[in-house]
Every structure is written in C-alpha cells, then in structure tokens.
Amino acid sequence: MFTEKDYSKPLTEQLSVVIRRYTTREDIANAAAKSKVSISLVNRVVYRTASLTENSTEAIELLITEAIENCADRMEQAKEDLKYLETLKIEQENG
C-alpha cells in the first residue's frame, strides 16, 4: 500500500479524515499493539503531526483495513435505518 517514497511525508488530508471518521480509539490501540509501535506515534501520524515512517506503516495499513470494514458496516446500517424511517413516514402519511 505504501512505499518508501511515502515515508517522511504526512498522510494526505483525505486519508487522515477518513481514518479518523471510521476508526475508534480502540482500533488505534489495537493497530499500535499489533504493529508494536506506540499509540501516540499512530495518533500523531493519523492527525498529520508526524510523517509516515517505515515503523508506523503497518499500523496505518491496519487502520485503513479497519476503516474499510467500519465504513461498509455503517453503509449497511444506514440502508436499514433509511428503510425503517421511510416506513414510518409512509405510516404517518396514511394516518
């Protein structure tokens, strides 16, 4: 996913926002533990106050994978919620 040319650069603003939107503190802690780096390093990379390094790459890749899963879950839940709300609206209109 990342290559050496990505090291020493912050994440893109869009990637930073998407990771923050679709991951939790627990996800960050798990990614840090699995990749054997500190939570504070992962947070700094995600919030763009530190650049991506070879050491932080694995944690960020784990977070991207988690964000994909969480985003898909939210989309599925949103579809179900929309159907429910539309049903309520129809019931309201039909009195």
Protein backbone atom coordinates (compact mmCIF):
# COMPACT_ATOMS: atom_id res chain seq x y z
CA MET A 1 0.00 0.00 0.00
CA PHE A 2 2.76 2.44 0.98
CA THR A 3 6.24 2.60 -0.49
CA GLU A 4 9.48 4.25 0.55
CA LYS A 5 8.50 7.39 -1.37
CA ASP A 6 5.63 7.85 1.10
CA TYR A 7 7.95 7.87 4.12
CA SER A 8 8.85 11.22 5.68
CA LYS A 9 5.57 12.70 4.44
CA PRO A 10 2.34 13.20 6.33
CA LEU A 11 -0.74 11.27 5.30
CA THR A 12 -2.96 13.08 2.86
CA GLU A 13 -5.65 15.21 4.45
CA GLN A 14 -8.35 12.99 2.94
CA LEU A 15 -6.81 9.77 4.28
CA SER A 16 -6.40 11.36 7.70
CA VAL A 17 -10.06 12.41 7.78
CA VAL A 18 -11.35 9.05 6.58
CA ILE A 19 -9.27 7.09 9.09
CA ARG A 20 -10.49 9.36 11.91
CA ARG A 21 -14.09 9.10 10.74
CA TYR A 22 -14.19 5.32 10.52
CA THR A 23 -11.91 4.13 13.32
CA THR A 24 -12.10 4.32 17.09
CA ARG A 25 -9.53 4.81 19.83
CA GLU A 26 -9.73 1.08 20.40
CA ASP A 27 -8.93 0.44 16.72
CA ILE A 28 -5.88 2.70 17.03
CA ALA A 29 -4.74 0.95 20.20
CA ASN A 30 -5.15 -2.46 18.56
CA ALA A 31 -3.25 -1.39 15.43
CA ALA A 32 -0.44 0.04 17.56
CA ALA A 33 -0.20 -3.14 19.64
CA LYS A 34 -0.23 -5.44 16.62
CA SER A 35 2.46 -3.45 14.87
CA LYS A 36 4.50 -2.90 18.06
CA VAL A 37 4.56 0.90 17.92
CA SER A 38 3.24 3.40 20.42
CA ILE A 39 -0.33 4.64 20.36
CA SER A 40 0.99 8.19 20.45
CA LEU A 41 3.03 7.62 17.27
CA VAL A 42 -0.01 6.23 15.46
CA ASN A 43 -2.13 9.17 16.63
CA ARG A 44 0.49 11.67 15.51
CA VAL A 45 0.66 10.08 12.05
CA VAL A 46 -3.14 9.91 11.74
CA TYR A 47 -3.51 13.55 12.84
CA ARG A 48 -0.68 14.58 10.49
CA THR A 49 1.61 15.98 13.20
CA ALA A 50 4.15 13.28 12.32
CA SER A 51 5.13 11.84 8.98
CA LEU A 52 4.69 8.26 7.91
CA THR A 53 7.71 6.10 8.70
CA GLU A 54 8.67 2.55 7.97
CA ASN A 55 7.84 1.75 11.62
CA SER A 56 4.36 3.29 11.51
CA THR A 57 3.35 1.88 8.12
CA GLU A 58 1.95 -1.40 9.40
CA ALA A 59 -0.27 0.34 11.95
CA ILE A 60 -1.64 2.75 9.36
CA GLU A 61 -2.32 -0.09 6.93
CA LEU A 62 -4.19 -1.95 9.69
CA LEU A 63 -6.25 1.18 10.35
CA ILE A 64 -7.09 1.52 6.67
CA THR A 65 -8.35 -2.07 6.65
CA GLU A 66 -10.39 -1.40 9.79
CA ALA A 67 -11.79 1.83 8.30
CA ILE A 68 -12.91 -0.07 5.19
CA GLU A 69 -14.75 -2.63 7.33
CA ASN A 70 -16.31 0.00 9.58
CA CYS A 71 -17.38 2.12 6.61
CA ALA A 72 -19.07 -0.86 4.95
CA ASP A 73 -20.82 -1.72 8.22
CA ARG A 74 -22.10 1.85 8.57
CA MET A 75 -23.35 1.86 4.99
CA GLU A 76 -25.30 -1.34 5.61
CA GLN A 77 -26.74 0.04 8.83
CA ALA A 78 -27.65 3.30 7.09
CA LYS A 79 -29.59 1.37 4.43
CA GLU A 80 -31.57 -0.46 7.12
CA ASP A 81 -32.21 2.77 9.02
CA LEU A 82 -33.40 4.51 5.87
CA LYS A 83 -35.89 1.74 5.13
CA TYR A 84 -37.21 1.96 8.69
CA LEU A 85 -37.57 5.75 8.55
CA GLU A 86 -39.31 5.61 5.18
CA THR A 87 -41.77 3.08 6.64
CA LEU A 88 -42.52 5.47 9.50
CA LYS A 89 -43.06 8.32 7.05
CA ILE A 90 -45.48 6.25 4.96
CA GLU A 91 -47.41 5.22 8.08
CA GLN A 92 -47.61 8.84 9.16
CA GLU A 93 -48.87 9.96 5.74
CA ASN A 94 -51.51 7.21 5.68
CA GLY A 95 -52.73 8.24 9.12
